[in-house]
Amino acid sequence: MKSPFSRYEIRLELLHKLKEKGFYVRMHAYEYIIGDYKRFHAIVFLEPEKNYAFIKVLGEKEVIKEIEELIVKLDPNIHIEEI
């Protein structure tokens, strides 16, 4: 089953929700670079055709958990793997 993240509008919604949480976010297609204006915390790679999200962890675990929660709110069936 294809993830809702295959739709551009849903990917933009994730971008806006991350920014509402106070993160610095740079989005390019299916990739997000996420920081807090002092340091980078994660790089998120979405693969909606496979219903996967990969998170390259660069920061603290509690920040990664926040990011994962936002992703799951938009797609409860997505599989998330930290790399």
PDB file of N, CA and C in Angstrom:
ATOM      1  N   MET A   1       0.838  -1.185   0.000  1.00  0.00           N
ATOM      2  CA  MET A   1       0.000   0.000   0.000  1.00  0.00           C
ATOM      3  C   MET A   1       0.884   1.250   0.000  1.00  0.00           C
ATOM      4  N   LYS A   2       0.544   2.171  -0.859  1.00  0.00           N
ATOM      5  CA  LYS A   2       1.311   3.402  -1.005  1.00  0.00           C
ATOM      6  C   LYS A   2       0.988   4.377   0.134  1.00  0.00           C
ATOM      7  N   SER A   3       1.998   5.053   0.618  1.00  0.00           N
ATOM      8  CA  SER A   3       1.853   6.029   1.697  1.00  0.00           C
ATOM      9  C   SER A   3       1.204   7.317   1.199  1.00  0.00           C
ATOM     10  N   PRO A   4       0.459   8.003   2.073  1.00  0.00           N
ATOM     11  CA  PRO A   4      -0.078   9.321   1.719  1.00  0.00           C
ATOM     12  C   PRO A   4       1.025  10.329   1.378  1.00  0.00           C
ATOM     13  N   PHE A   5       2.270  10.051   1.796  1.00  0.00           N
ATOM     14  CA  PHE A   5       3.374  10.946   1.493  1.00  0.00           C
ATOM     15  C   PHE A   5       3.707  10.980   0.004  1.00  0.00           C
ATOM     16  N   SER A   6       3.082  10.149  -0.781  1.00  0.00           N
ATOM     17  CA  SER A   6       3.277  10.224  -2.232  1.00  0.00           C
ATOM     18  C   SER A   6       2.620  11.493  -2.788  1.00  0.00           C
ATOM     19  N   ARG A   7       1.703  12.070  -2.014  1.00  0.00           N
ATOM     20  CA  ARG A   7       1.046  13.320  -2.424  1.00  0.00           C
ATOM     21  C   ARG A   7       1.850  14.527  -1.922  1.00  0.00           C
ATOM     22  N   TYR A   8       2.098  15.438  -2.813  1.00  0.00           N
ATOM     23  CA  TYR A   8       2.875  16.645  -2.498  1.00  0.00           C
ATOM     24  C   TYR A   8       2.261  17.424  -1.335  1.00  0.00           C
ATOM     25  N   GLU A   9       0.940  17.495  -1.291  1.00  0.00           N
ATOM     26  CA  GLU A   9       0.255  18.264  -0.242  1.00  0.00           C
ATOM     27  C   GLU A   9       0.560  17.705   1.148  1.00  0.00           C
ATOM     28  N   ILE A  10       0.648  16.396   1.253  1.00  0.00           N
ATOM     29  CA  ILE A  10       0.932  15.772   2.550  1.00  0.00           C
ATOM     30  C   ILE A  10       2.391  16.027   2.947  1.00  0.00           C
ATOM     31  N   ARG A  11       3.284  15.995   1.976  1.00  0.00           N
ATOM     32  CA  ARG A  11       4.691  16.307   2.281  1.00  0.00           C
ATOM     33  C   ARG A  11       4.835  17.764   2.720  1.00  0.00           C
ATOM     34  N   LEU A  12       4.080  18.658   2.095  1.00  0.00           N
ATOM     35  CA  LEU A  12       4.094  20.062   2.526  1.00  0.00           C
ATOM     36  C   LEU A  12       3.510  20.218   3.927  1.00  0.00           C
ATOM     37  N   GLU A  13       2.497  19.435   4.223  1.00  0.00           N
ATOM     38  CA  GLU A  13       1.899  19.488   5.562  1.00  0.00           C
ATOM     39  C   GLU A  13       2.928  19.086   6.619  1.00  0.00           C
ATOM     40  N   LEU A  14       3.724  18.060   6.323  1.00  0.00           N
ATOM     41  CA  LEU A  14       4.789  17.679   7.260  1.00  0.00           C
ATOM     42  C   LEU A  14       5.778  18.825   7.427  1.00  0.00           C
ATOM     43  N   LEU A  15       6.145  19.459   6.338  1.00  0.00           N
ATOM     44  CA  LEU A  15       7.052  20.610   6.391  1.00  0.00           C
ATOM     45  C   LEU A  15       6.496  21.689   7.317  1.00  0.00           C
ATOM     46  N   HIS A  16       5.225  22.028   7.150  1.00  0.00           N
ATOM     47  CA  HIS A  16       4.617  23.085   7.965  1.00  0.00           C
ATOM     48  C   HIS A  16       4.499  22.679   9.429  1.00  0.00           C
ATOM     49  N   LYS A  17       4.166  21.417   9.692  1.00  0.00           N
ATOM     50  CA  LYS A  17       4.051  20.961  11.074  1.00  0.00           C
ATOM     51  C   LYS A  17       5.413  20.976  11.781  1.00  0.00           C
ATOM     52  N   LEU A  18       6.461  20.612  11.065  1.00  0.00           N
ATOM     53  CA  LEU A  18       7.799  20.673  11.644  1.00  0.00           C
ATOM     54  C   LEU A  18       8.183  22.119  11.958  1.00  0.00           C
ATOM     55  N   LYS A  19       7.867  23.028  11.045  1.00  0.00           N
ATOM     56  CA  LYS A  19       8.171  24.447  11.281  1.00  0.00           C
ATOM     57  C   LYS A  19       7.357  25.010  12.439  1.00  0.00           C
ATOM     58  N   GLU A  20       6.093  24.572  12.571  1.00  0.00           N
ATOM     59  CA  GLU A  20       5.265  25.008  13.698  1.00  0.00           C
ATOM     60  C   GLU A  20       5.868  24.591  15.031  1.00  0.00           C
ATOM     61  N   LYS A  21       6.589  23.465  15.033  1.00  0.00           N
ATOM     62  CA  LYS A  21       7.259  22.992  16.251  1.00  0.00           C
ATOM     63  C   LYS A  21       8.548  23.763  16.527  1.00  0.00           C
ATOM     64  N   GLY A  22       8.916  24.672  15.616  1.00  0.00           N
ATOM     65  CA  GLY A  22      10.093  25.503  15.834  1.00  0.00           C
ATOM     66  C   GLY A  22      11.358  25.007  15.162  1.00  0.00           C
ATOM     67  N   PHE A  23      11.234  23.991  14.335  1.00  0.00           N
ATOM     68  CA  PHE A  23      12.404  23.460  13.648  1.00  0.00           C
ATOM     69  C   PHE A  23      12.744  24.293  12.419  1.00  0.00           C
ATOM     70  N   TYR A  24      14.019  24.320  12.089  1.00  0.00           N
ATOM     71  CA  TYR A  24      14.476  24.784  10.783  1.00  0.00           C
ATOM     72  C   TYR A  24      14.325  23.571   9.874  1.00  0.00           C
ATOM     73  N   VAL A  25      13.669  23.737   8.715  1.00  0.00           N
ATOM     74  CA  VAL A  25      13.464  22.611   7.816  1.00  0.00           C
ATOM     75  C   VAL A  25      13.748  23.041   6.387  1.00  0.00           C
ATOM     76  N   ARG A  26      14.512  22.210   5.720  1.00  0.00           N
ATOM     77  CA  ARG A  26      14.730  22.380   4.284  1.00  0.00           C
ATOM     78  C   ARG A  26      14.228  21.113   3.617  1.00  0.00           C
ATOM     79  N   MET A  27      13.272  21.281   2.717  1.00  0.00           N
ATOM     80  CA  MET A  27      12.658  20.134   2.052  1.00  0.00           C
ATOM     81  C   MET A  27      13.061  20.132   0.582  1.00  0.00           C
ATOM     82  N   HIS A  28      13.370  18.949   0.089  1.00  0.00           N
ATOM     83  CA  HIS A  28      13.615  18.768  -1.341  1.00  0.00           C
ATOM     84  C   HIS A  28      12.998  17.436  -1.739  1.00  0.00           C
ATOM     85  N   ALA A  29      11.885  17.505  -2.462  1.00  0.00           N
ATOM     86  CA  ALA A  29      11.159  16.311  -2.910  1.00  0.00           C
ATOM     87  C   ALA A  29      10.778  15.439  -1.720  1.00  0.00           C
ATOM     88  N   TYR A  30      11.496  14.328  -1.504  1.00  0.00           N
ATOM     89  CA  TYR A  30      11.161  13.387  -0.438  1.00  0.00           C
ATOM     90  C   TYR A  30      12.168  13.414   0.705  1.00  0.00           C
ATOM     91  N   GLU A  31      12.959  14.467   0.786  1.00  0.00           N
ATOM     92  CA  GLU A  31      13.981  14.576   1.814  1.00  0.00           C
ATOM     93  C   GLU A  31      13.793  15.857   2.629  1.00  0.00           C
ATOM     94  N   TYR A  32      14.051  15.735   3.917  1.00  0.00           N
ATOM     95  CA  TYR A  32      13.951  16.882   4.822  1.00  0.00           C
ATOM     96  C   TYR A  32      15.235  16.950   5.644  1.00  0.00           C
ATOM     97  N   ILE A  33      15.829  18.121   5.696  1.00  0.00           N
ATOM     98  CA  ILE A  33      16.939  18.372   6.612  1.00  0.00           C
ATOM     99  C   ILE A  33      16.342  19.170   7.762  1.00  0.00           C
ATOM    100  N   ILE A  34      16.510  18.666   8.970  1.00  0.00           N
ATOM    101  CA  ILE A  34      15.825  19.249  10.130  1.00  0.00           C
ATOM    102  C   ILE A  34      16.839  19.657  11.181  1.00  0.00           C
ATOM    103  N   GLY A  35      16.717  20.896  11.641  1.00  0.00           N
ATOM    104  CA  GLY A  35      17.599  21.419  12.678  1.00  0.00           C
ATOM    105  C   GLY A  35      16.854  22.388  13.574  1.00  0.00           C
ATOM    106  N   ASP A  36      17.620  23.130  14.363  1.00  0.00           N
ATOM    107  CA  ASP A  36      17.015  24.115  15.261  1.00  0.00           C
ATOM    108  C   ASP A  36      17.746  25.459  15.203  1.00  0.00           C
ATOM    109  N   TYR A  37      18.359  25.769  14.090  1.00  0.00           N
ATOM    110  CA  TYR A  37      19.124  26.997  13.857  1.00  0.00           C
ATOM    111  C   TYR A  37      20.466  27.011  14.573  1.00  0.00           C
ATOM    112  N   LYS A  38      20.761  25.983  15.375  1.00  0.00           N
ATOM    113  CA  LYS A  38      22.064  25.856  16.020  1.00  0.00           C
ATOM    114  C   LYS A  38      22.800  24.625  15.496  1.00  0.00           C
ATOM    115  N   ARG A  39      22.031  23.566  15.246  1.00  0.00           N
ATOM    116  CA  ARG A  39      22.620  22.313  14.787  1.00  0.00           C
ATOM    117  C   ARG A  39      21.583  21.498  14.032  1.00  0.00           C
ATOM    118  N   PHE A  40      22.049  20.527  13.261  1.00  0.00           N
ATOM    119  CA  PHE A  40      21.153  19.621  12.564  1.00  0.00           C
ATOM    120  C   PHE A  40      20.787  18.470  13.489  1.00  0.00           C
ATOM    121  N   HIS A  41      19.535  18.032  13.398  1.00  0.00           N
ATOM    122  CA  HIS A  41      19.058  16.930  14.231  1.00  0.00           C
ATOM    123  C   HIS A  41      18.794  15.660  13.442  1.00  0.00           C
ATOM    124  N   ALA A  42      18.335  15.815  12.193  1.00  0.00           N
ATOM    125  CA  ALA A  42      17.980  14.626  11.425  1.00  0.00           C
ATOM    126  C   ALA A  42      17.872  14.946   9.940  1.00  0.00           C
ATOM    127  N   ILE A  43      18.037  13.906   9.169  1.00  0.00           N
ATOM    128  CA  ILE A  43      17.694  13.960   7.752  1.00  0.00           C
ATOM    129  C   ILE A  43      16.656  12.869   7.551  1.00  0.00           C
ATOM    130  N   VAL A  44      15.513  13.237   7.005  1.00  0.00           N
ATOM    131  CA  VAL A  44      14.417  12.293   6.788  1.00  0.00           C
ATOM    132  C   VAL A  44      14.316  12.007   5.300  1.00  0.00           C
ATOM    133  N   PHE A  45      14.283  10.720   4.974  1.00  0.00           N
ATOM    134  CA  PHE A  45      14.102  10.264   3.595  1.00  0.00           C
ATOM    135  C   PHE A  45      12.790   9.497   3.531  1.00  0.00           C
ATOM    136  N   LEU A  46      11.854   9.963   2.731  1.00  0.00           N
ATOM    137  CA  LEU A  46      10.581   9.273   2.572  1.00  0.00           C
ATOM    138  C   LEU A  46      10.600   8.415   1.315  1.00  0.00           C
ATOM    139  N   GLU A  47      10.078   7.215   1.431  1.00  0.00           N
ATOM    140  CA  GLU A  47       9.886   6.334   0.282  1.00  0.00           C
ATOM    141  C   GLU A  47       8.428   5.898   0.275  1.00  0.00           C
ATOM    142  N   PRO A  48       7.537   6.760  -0.213  1.00  0.00           N
ATOM    143  CA  PRO A  48       6.106   6.477  -0.125  1.00  0.00           C
ATOM    144  C   PRO A  48       5.662   5.251  -0.914  1.00  0.00           C
ATOM    145  N   GLU A  49       6.353   4.911  -1.982  1.00  0.00           N
ATOM    146  CA  GLU A  49       5.982   3.728  -2.767  1.00  0.00           C
ATOM    147  C   GLU A  49       6.171   2.439  -1.965  1.00  0.00           C
ATOM    148  N   LYS A  50       7.107   2.473  -1.018  1.00  0.00           N
ATOM    149  CA  LYS A  50       7.378   1.308  -0.169  1.00  0.00           C
ATOM    150  C   LYS A  50       6.819   1.479   1.236  1.00  0.00           C
ATOM    151  N   ASN A  51       6.197   2.637   1.500  1.00  0.00           N
ATOM    152  CA  ASN A  51       5.617   2.959   2.799  1.00  0.00           C
ATOM    153  C   ASN A  51       6.682   2.975   3.907  1.00  0.00           C
ATOM    154  N   TYR A  52       7.826   3.583   3.599  1.00  0.00           N
ATOM    155  CA  TYR A  52       8.942   3.668   4.539  1.00  0.00           C
ATOM    156  C   TYR A  52       9.409   5.108   4.719  1.00  0.00           C
ATOM    157  N   ALA A  53       9.923   5.370   5.923  1.00  0.00           N
ATOM    158  CA  ALA A  53      10.633   6.617   6.207  1.00  0.00           C
ATOM    159  C   ALA A  53      11.931   6.227   6.904  1.00  0.00           C
ATOM    160  N   PHE A  54      13.020   6.769   6.427  1.00  0.00           N
ATOM    161  CA  PHE A  54      14.319   6.535   7.045  1.00  0.00           C
ATOM    162  C   PHE A  54      14.771   7.840   7.682  1.00  0.00           C
ATOM    163  N   ILE A  55      15.231   7.746   8.913  1.00  0.00           N
ATOM    164  CA  ILE A  55      15.685   8.935   9.621  1.00  0.00           C
ATOM    165  C   ILE A  55      17.159   8.763   9.971  1.00  0.00           C
ATOM    166  N   LYS A  56      17.981   9.615   9.393  1.00  0.00           N
ATOM    167  CA  LYS A  56      19.397   9.658   9.752  1.00  0.00           C
ATOM    168  C   LYS A  56      19.499  10.516  11.006  1.00  0.00           C
ATOM    169  N   VAL A  57      19.823   9.889  12.105  1.00  0.00           N
ATOM    170  CA  VAL A  57      19.850  10.562  13.400  1.00  0.00           C
ATOM    171  C   VAL A  57      21.146  11.348  13.541  1.00  0.00           C
ATOM    172  N   LEU A  58      21.011  12.647  13.759  1.00  0.00           N
ATOM    173  CA  LEU A  58      22.162  13.519  13.966  1.00  0.00           C
ATOM    174  C   LEU A  58      22.112  14.212  15.323  1.00  0.00           C
ATOM    175  N   GLY A  59      20.958  14.119  15.998  1.00  0.00           N
ATOM    176  CA  GLY A  59      20.770  14.848  17.242  1.00  0.00           C
ATOM    177  C   GLY A  59      20.259  13.973  18.370  1.00  0.00           C
ATOM    178  N   GLU A  60      19.608  14.618  19.305  1.00  0.00           N
ATOM    179  CA  GLU A  60      19.148  13.976  20.529  1.00  0.00           C
ATOM    180  C   GLU A  60      17.911  13.125  20.286  1.00  0.00           C
ATOM    181  N   LYS A  61      17.797  12.066  21.068  1.00  0.00           N
ATOM    182  CA  LYS A  61      16.719  11.081  20.901  1.00  0.00           C
ATOM    183  C   LYS A  61      15.326  11.695  21.079  1.00  0.00           C
ATOM    184  N   GLU A  62      15.158  12.617  22.033  1.00  0.00           N
ATOM    185  CA  GLU A  62      13.824  13.198  22.261  1.00  0.00           C
ATOM    186  C   GLU A  62      13.369  14.041  21.080  1.00  0.00           C
ATOM    187  N   VAL A  63      14.309  14.667  20.383  1.00  0.00           N
ATOM    188  CA  VAL A  63      13.968  15.445  19.191  1.00  0.00           C
ATOM    189  C   VAL A  63      13.550  14.501  18.063  1.00  0.00           C
ATOM    190  N   ILE A  64      14.252  13.384  17.927  1.00  0.00           N
ATOM    191  CA  ILE A  64      13.916  12.397  16.905  1.00  0.00           C
ATOM    192  C   ILE A  64      12.527  11.838  17.160  1.00  0.00           C
ATOM    193  N   LYS A  65      12.202  11.622  18.423  1.00  0.00           N
ATOM    194  CA  LYS A  65      10.872  11.108  18.779  1.00  0.00           C
ATOM    195  C   LYS A  65       9.782  12.090  18.350  1.00  0.00           C
ATOM    196  N   GLU A  66      10.020  13.375  18.543  1.00  0.00           N
ATOM    197  CA  GLU A  66       9.066  14.406  18.102  1.00  0.00           C
ATOM    198  C   GLU A  66       8.835  14.345  16.596  1.00  0.00           C
ATOM    199  N   ILE A  67       9.911  14.199  15.863  1.00  0.00           N
ATOM    200  CA  ILE A  67       9.835  14.128  14.399  1.00  0.00           C
ATOM    201  C   ILE A  67       9.055  12.886  13.977  1.00  0.00           C
ATOM    202  N   GLU A  68       9.373  11.752  14.599  1.00  0.00           N
ATOM    203  CA  GLU A  68       8.673  10.508  14.282  1.00  0.00           C
ATOM    204  C   GLU A  68       7.179  10.617  14.573  1.00  0.00           C
ATOM    205  N   GLU A  69       6.805  11.261  15.673  1.00  0.00           N
ATOM    206  CA  GLU A  69       5.394  11.422  16.015  1.00  0.00           C
ATOM    207  C   GLU A  69       4.643  12.225  14.952  1.00  0.00           C
ATOM    208  N   LEU A  70       5.275  13.265  14.424  1.00  0.00           N
ATOM    209  CA  LEU A  70       4.636  14.054  13.370  1.00  0.00           C
ATOM    210  C   LEU A  70       4.452  13.240  12.094  1.00  0.00           C
ATOM    211  N   ILE A  71       5.438  12.429  11.767  1.00  0.00           N
ATOM    212  CA  ILE A  71       5.345  11.584  10.572  1.00  0.00           C
ATOM    213  C   ILE A  71       4.195  10.585  10.731  1.00  0.00           C
ATOM    214  N   VAL A  72       4.116   9.953  11.896  1.00  0.00           N
ATOM    215  CA  VAL A  72       3.090   8.942  12.143  1.00  0.00           C
ATOM    216  C   VAL A  72       1.689   9.564  12.176  1.00  0.00           C
ATOM    217  N   LYS A  73       1.567  10.803  12.633  1.00  0.00           N
ATOM    218  CA  LYS A  73       0.252  11.466  12.615  1.00  0.00           C
ATOM    219  C   LYS A  73      -0.284  11.605  11.190  1.00  0.00           C
ATOM    220  N   LEU A  74       0.612  11.830  10.244  1.00  0.00           N
ATOM    221  CA  LEU A  74       0.193  11.989   8.852  1.00  0.00           C
ATOM    222  C   LEU A  74       0.050  10.650   8.129  1.00  0.00           C
ATOM    223  N   ASP A  75       0.741   9.634   8.599  1.00  0.00           N
ATOM    224  CA  ASP A  75       0.625   8.292   8.023  1.00  0.00           C
ATOM    225  C   ASP A  75       0.829   7.257   9.126  1.00  0.00           C
ATOM    226  N   PRO A  76      -0.247   6.827   9.783  1.00  0.00           N
ATOM    227  CA  PRO A  76      -0.130   5.870  10.894  1.00  0.00           C
ATOM    228  C   PRO A  76       0.436   4.507  10.496  1.00  0.00           C
ATOM    229  N   ASN A  77       0.414   4.174   9.212  1.00  0.00           N
ATOM    230  CA  ASN A  77       0.884   2.863   8.759  1.00  0.00           C
ATOM    231  C   ASN A  77       2.315   2.850   8.259  1.00  0.00           C
ATOM    232  N   ILE A  78       2.989   3.982   8.322  1.00  0.00           N
ATOM    233  CA  ILE A  78       4.351   4.055   7.775  1.00  0.00           C
ATOM    234  C   ILE A  78       5.341   3.326   8.684  1.00  0.00           C
ATOM    235  N   HIS A  79       6.317   2.720   8.074  1.00  0.00           N
ATOM    236  CA  HIS A  79       7.402   2.054   8.809  1.00  0.00           C
ATOM    237  C   HIS A  79       8.572   3.042   8.887  1.00  0.00           C
ATOM    238  N   ILE A  80       9.055   3.263  10.113  1.00  0.00           N
ATOM    239  CA  ILE A  80      10.152   4.206  10.305  1.00  0.00           C
ATOM    240  C   ILE A  80      11.380   3.436  10.771  1.00  0.00           C
ATOM    241  N   GLU A  81      12.483   3.716  10.114  1.00  0.00           N
ATOM    242  CA  GLU A  81      13.736   3.079  10.488  1.00  0.00           C
ATOM    243  C   GLU A  81      14.785   4.171  10.718  1.00  0.00           C
ATOM    244  N   GLU A  82      15.423   4.098  11.878  1.00  0.00           N
ATOM    245  CA  GLU A  82      16.498   5.041  12.186  1.00  0.00           C
ATOM    246  C   GLU A  82      17.803   4.468  11.644  1.00  0.00           C
ATOM    247  N   ILE A  83      18.548   5.313  10.962  1.00  0.00           N
ATOM    248  CA  ILE A  83      19.833   4.867  10.423  1.00  0.00           C
ATOM    249  C   ILE A  83      20.951   5.780  10.907  1.00  0.00           C
TER     250      ILE A  83
END
